[in-house]
Amino acid sequence: MSETVLQDSKTDQKIKLYATTWCGDCRMAKRWFDAHGIAYDYINIEEDESAAEYVMRVNKGYRSVPTIVFPDGSILVEPSSRELAAKFSGK
């Protein structure tokens, strides 16, 4: 998927990982962040209705997970491990 920058998002100092427990791509992203020692907030959209609404808003009505929001306001949706690595290498 492509990277998007959401201009009006409230940026925070920590990455926000919007996910579900059953999603394989979500588990991969979580493992990738853990393996690289990268701090993040894990937000289960099945347990947080406002988070689910946010994910649907930024994904044009779809509950696409993982949706990862970075402190600079950029967003990756369903990224591969290669896309995550590129994000942190600046490429």
N, C-alpha and C. Protein backbone atom coordinates (compact mmCIF):
# COMPACT_ATOMS: atom_id res chain seq x y z
N MET A 1 0.85 -1.19 0.00
CA MET A 1 0.00 0.00 0.00
C MET A 1 0.89 1.24 0.00
N SER A 2 0.29 2.36 -0.25
CA SER A 2 1.05 3.59 -0.34
C SER A 2 1.05 4.33 0.99
N GLU A 3 1.99 5.25 1.10
CA GLU A 3 2.10 6.07 2.29
C GLU A 3 1.29 7.33 2.09
N THR A 4 0.58 7.72 3.11
CA THR A 4 -0.26 8.91 3.07
C THR A 4 0.14 9.81 4.21
N VAL A 5 0.02 11.10 4.02
CA VAL A 5 0.22 12.05 5.11
C VAL A 5 -1.11 12.70 5.39
N LEU A 6 -1.56 12.59 6.62
CA LEU A 6 -2.82 13.17 7.03
C LEU A 6 -2.51 14.50 7.70
N GLN A 7 -2.84 15.58 7.03
CA GLN A 7 -2.48 16.91 7.50
C GLN A 7 -3.13 17.28 8.83
N ASP A 8 -4.38 16.87 9.03
CA ASP A 8 -5.08 17.32 10.22
C ASP A 8 -4.98 16.34 11.39
N SER A 9 -4.17 15.29 11.25
CA SER A 9 -4.07 14.33 12.35
C SER A 9 -3.29 14.93 13.50
N LYS A 10 -3.69 14.53 14.69
CA LYS A 10 -2.96 14.97 15.87
C LYS A 10 -1.75 14.07 16.01
N THR A 11 -0.57 14.64 15.84
CA THR A 11 0.62 13.81 15.92
C THR A 11 1.04 13.68 17.38
N ASP A 12 1.63 12.57 17.66
CA ASP A 12 2.09 12.24 19.00
C ASP A 12 3.55 11.83 18.85
N GLN A 13 4.21 11.60 19.95
CA GLN A 13 5.60 11.21 19.89
C GLN A 13 5.78 9.72 19.64
N LYS A 14 4.72 8.94 19.75
CA LYS A 14 4.82 7.50 19.59
C LYS A 14 3.99 7.04 18.40
N ILE A 15 4.47 6.00 17.74
CA ILE A 15 3.76 5.39 16.63
C ILE A 15 2.46 4.78 17.15
N LYS A 16 1.42 4.89 16.37
CA LYS A 16 0.14 4.27 16.72
C LYS A 16 -0.12 3.15 15.73
N LEU A 17 -0.27 1.93 16.26
CA LEU A 17 -0.53 0.75 15.46
C LEU A 17 -1.97 0.33 15.68
N TYR A 18 -2.82 0.65 14.70
CA TYR A 18 -4.23 0.26 14.75
C TYR A 18 -4.33 -1.13 14.16
N ALA A 19 -4.90 -2.07 14.94
CA ALA A 19 -4.84 -3.47 14.54
C ALA A 19 -6.01 -4.26 15.11
N THR A 20 -6.04 -5.55 14.77
CA THR A 20 -6.95 -6.52 15.38
C THR A 20 -6.11 -7.72 15.81
N THR A 21 -6.64 -8.52 16.71
CA THR A 21 -5.89 -9.67 17.20
C THR A 21 -5.79 -10.78 16.16
N TRP A 22 -6.77 -10.88 15.26
CA TRP A 22 -6.82 -11.97 14.29
C TRP A 22 -6.05 -11.70 13.00
N CYS A 23 -5.57 -10.49 12.81
CA CYS A 23 -4.93 -10.07 11.56
C CYS A 23 -3.46 -10.49 11.50
N GLY A 24 -3.12 -11.31 10.51
CA GLY A 24 -1.74 -11.76 10.34
C GLY A 24 -0.77 -10.62 10.05
N ASP A 25 -1.18 -9.67 9.20
CA ASP A 25 -0.32 -8.52 8.89
C ASP A 25 -0.09 -7.66 10.14
N CYS A 26 -1.10 -7.59 11.01
CA CYS A 26 -0.96 -6.83 12.26
C CYS A 26 0.07 -7.49 13.16
N ARG A 27 -0.01 -8.82 13.26
CA ARG A 27 0.95 -9.55 14.10
C ARG A 27 2.37 -9.38 13.55
N MET A 28 2.51 -9.40 12.21
CA MET A 28 3.82 -9.20 11.59
C MET A 28 4.37 -7.82 11.92
N ALA A 29 3.53 -6.78 11.80
CA ALA A 29 3.99 -5.42 12.09
C ALA A 29 4.40 -5.29 13.55
N LYS A 30 3.62 -5.86 14.44
CA LYS A 30 3.91 -5.83 15.87
C LYS A 30 5.26 -6.51 16.14
N ARG A 31 5.45 -7.69 15.55
CA ARG A 31 6.73 -8.41 15.71
C ARG A 31 7.89 -7.59 15.15
N TRP A 32 7.67 -6.92 14.01
CA TRP A 32 8.73 -6.13 13.39
C TRP A 32 9.14 -4.99 14.31
N PHE A 33 8.17 -4.25 14.84
CA PHE A 33 8.48 -3.16 15.77
C PHE A 33 9.18 -3.69 17.01
N ASP A 34 8.70 -4.79 17.57
CA ASP A 34 9.31 -5.37 18.76
C ASP A 34 10.76 -5.79 18.49
N ALA A 35 10.99 -6.44 17.36
CA ALA A 35 12.33 -6.92 17.01
C ALA A 35 13.32 -5.78 16.81
N HIS A 36 12.81 -4.62 16.39
CA HIS A 36 13.68 -3.47 16.14
C HIS A 36 13.69 -2.48 17.30
N GLY A 37 13.04 -2.84 18.40
CA GLY A 37 13.05 -1.98 19.59
C GLY A 37 12.35 -0.65 19.39
N ILE A 38 11.33 -0.63 18.57
CA ILE A 38 10.62 0.62 18.26
C ILE A 38 9.35 0.69 19.09
N ALA A 39 9.22 1.76 19.85
CA ALA A 39 8.05 1.94 20.73
C ALA A 39 6.83 2.30 19.90
N TYR A 40 5.68 1.79 20.32
CA TYR A 40 4.42 2.08 19.64
C TYR A 40 3.27 1.86 20.60
N ASP A 41 2.14 2.47 20.28
CA ASP A 41 0.91 2.21 21.01
C ASP A 41 0.09 1.25 20.17
N TYR A 42 -0.30 0.11 20.75
CA TYR A 42 -1.13 -0.88 20.07
C TYR A 42 -2.58 -0.56 20.38
N ILE A 43 -3.37 -0.34 19.35
CA ILE A 43 -4.77 0.03 19.52
C ILE A 43 -5.62 -0.99 18.78
N ASN A 44 -6.39 -1.78 19.54
CA ASN A 44 -7.24 -2.82 18.97
C ASN A 44 -8.56 -2.17 18.55
N ILE A 45 -8.80 -2.11 17.24
CA ILE A 45 -10.01 -1.42 16.76
C ILE A 45 -11.28 -2.21 17.05
N GLU A 46 -11.15 -3.47 17.46
CA GLU A 46 -12.33 -4.25 17.84
C GLU A 46 -12.81 -3.86 19.23
N GLU A 47 -11.94 -3.28 20.01
CA GLU A 47 -12.27 -2.88 21.38
C GLU A 47 -12.44 -1.38 21.55
N ASP A 48 -12.10 -0.60 20.53
CA ASP A 48 -12.13 0.85 20.62
C ASP A 48 -12.88 1.40 19.40
N GLU A 49 -14.16 1.72 19.59
CA GLU A 49 -15.00 2.16 18.48
C GLU A 49 -14.49 3.44 17.82
N SER A 50 -13.97 4.38 18.62
CA SER A 50 -13.46 5.62 18.03
C SER A 50 -12.22 5.34 17.18
N ALA A 51 -11.42 4.37 17.58
CA ALA A 51 -10.25 3.98 16.79
C ALA A 51 -10.70 3.33 15.48
N ALA A 52 -11.73 2.49 15.55
CA ALA A 52 -12.27 1.86 14.34
C ALA A 52 -12.80 2.92 13.38
N GLU A 53 -13.48 3.93 13.91
CA GLU A 53 -13.99 5.01 13.07
C GLU A 53 -12.85 5.79 12.43
N TYR A 54 -11.77 6.02 13.19
CA TYR A 54 -10.61 6.73 12.65
C TYR A 54 -10.01 5.93 11.49
N VAL A 55 -9.82 4.63 11.69
CA VAL A 55 -9.25 3.78 10.64
C VAL A 55 -10.13 3.82 9.39
N MET A 56 -11.43 3.76 9.57
CA MET A 56 -12.34 3.82 8.42
C MET A 56 -12.27 5.18 7.73
N ARG A 57 -12.10 6.24 8.48
CA ARG A 57 -12.03 7.58 7.91
C ARG A 57 -10.76 7.73 7.05
N VAL A 58 -9.61 7.29 7.55
CA VAL A 58 -8.37 7.48 6.79
C VAL A 58 -8.22 6.48 5.66
N ASN A 59 -9.04 5.41 5.68
CA ASN A 59 -8.97 4.38 4.64
C ASN A 59 -10.21 4.36 3.75
N LYS A 60 -10.85 5.51 3.62
CA LYS A 60 -11.98 5.69 2.70
C LYS A 60 -13.09 4.66 2.92
N GLY A 61 -13.44 4.43 4.21
CA GLY A 61 -14.54 3.54 4.54
C GLY A 61 -14.16 2.10 4.83
N TYR A 62 -12.90 1.76 4.68
CA TYR A 62 -12.45 0.39 4.91
C TYR A 62 -11.79 0.26 6.28
N ARG A 63 -11.98 -0.90 6.90
CA ARG A 63 -11.34 -1.19 8.19
C ARG A 63 -10.01 -1.88 7.92
N SER A 64 -9.15 -1.24 7.15
CA SER A 64 -7.87 -1.81 6.75
C SER A 64 -6.88 -1.76 7.91
N VAL A 65 -6.38 -2.92 8.28
CA VAL A 65 -5.39 -3.02 9.34
C VAL A 65 -4.24 -3.91 8.88
N PRO A 66 -3.02 -3.65 9.36
CA PRO A 66 -2.74 -2.55 10.26
C PRO A 66 -2.71 -1.21 9.54
N THR A 67 -3.17 -0.21 10.26
CA THR A 67 -3.01 1.18 9.86
C THR A 67 -2.04 1.76 10.87
N ILE A 68 -0.90 2.22 10.38
CA ILE A 68 0.17 2.69 11.27
C ILE A 68 0.36 4.18 11.06
N VAL A 69 0.21 4.95 12.14
CA VAL A 69 0.34 6.40 12.09
C VAL A 69 1.64 6.78 12.79
N PHE A 70 2.47 7.52 12.09
CA PHE A 70 3.78 7.92 12.59
C PHE A 70 3.73 9.33 13.19
N PRO A 71 4.67 9.66 14.06
CA PRO A 71 4.67 10.98 14.70
C PRO A 71 4.67 12.16 13.72
N ASP A 72 5.19 11.96 12.50
CA ASP A 72 5.21 13.05 11.51
C ASP A 72 3.88 13.18 10.77
N GLY A 73 2.89 12.33 11.13
CA GLY A 73 1.59 12.40 10.49
C GLY A 73 1.43 11.48 9.30
N SER A 74 2.52 10.84 8.86
CA SER A 74 2.42 9.91 7.74
C SER A 74 1.76 8.61 8.20
N ILE A 75 1.17 7.91 7.25
CA ILE A 75 0.42 6.69 7.54
C ILE A 75 0.82 5.60 6.55
N LEU A 76 1.05 4.40 7.07
CA LEU A 76 1.22 3.22 6.22
C LEU A 76 0.06 2.28 6.51
N VAL A 77 -0.52 1.72 5.45
CA VAL A 77 -1.64 0.80 5.59
C VAL A 77 -1.21 -0.55 5.01
N GLU A 78 -1.35 -1.59 5.82
CA GLU A 78 -0.98 -2.94 5.43
C GLU A 78 0.42 -3.01 4.83
N PRO A 79 1.41 -2.42 5.50
CA PRO A 79 2.76 -2.44 4.93
C PRO A 79 3.42 -3.81 5.06
N SER A 80 4.32 -4.08 4.16
CA SER A 80 5.17 -5.27 4.27
C SER A 80 6.33 -4.94 5.20
N SER A 81 7.08 -5.95 5.60
CA SER A 81 8.25 -5.68 6.42
C SER A 81 9.27 -4.84 5.65
N ARG A 82 9.33 -5.03 4.35
CA ARG A 82 10.23 -4.23 3.51
C ARG A 82 9.82 -2.75 3.53
N GLU A 83 8.51 -2.48 3.47
CA GLU A 83 8.04 -1.09 3.51
C GLU A 83 8.31 -0.46 4.88
N LEU A 84 8.18 -1.25 5.95
CA LEU A 84 8.51 -0.72 7.28
C LEU A 84 9.99 -0.40 7.37
N ALA A 85 10.83 -1.30 6.87
CA ALA A 85 12.27 -1.06 6.89
C ALA A 85 12.62 0.20 6.10
N ALA A 86 11.98 0.38 4.95
CA ALA A 86 12.25 1.57 4.11
C ALA A 86 11.84 2.84 4.84
N LYS A 87 10.73 2.78 5.57
CA LYS A 87 10.26 3.95 6.32
C LYS A 87 11.30 4.40 7.34
N PHE A 88 11.94 3.44 7.99
CA PHE A 88 12.91 3.79 9.03
C PHE A 88 14.31 4.03 8.49
N SER A 89 14.56 3.62 7.25
CA SER A 89 15.87 3.89 6.67
C SER A 89 15.87 5.21 5.92
N GLY A 90 14.67 5.81 5.77
CA GLY A 90 14.57 7.08 5.08
C GLY A 90 14.54 6.94 3.56
N LYS A 91 14.36 5.74 3.05
CA LYS A 91 14.35 5.53 1.59
C LYS A 91 12.94 5.48 1.07
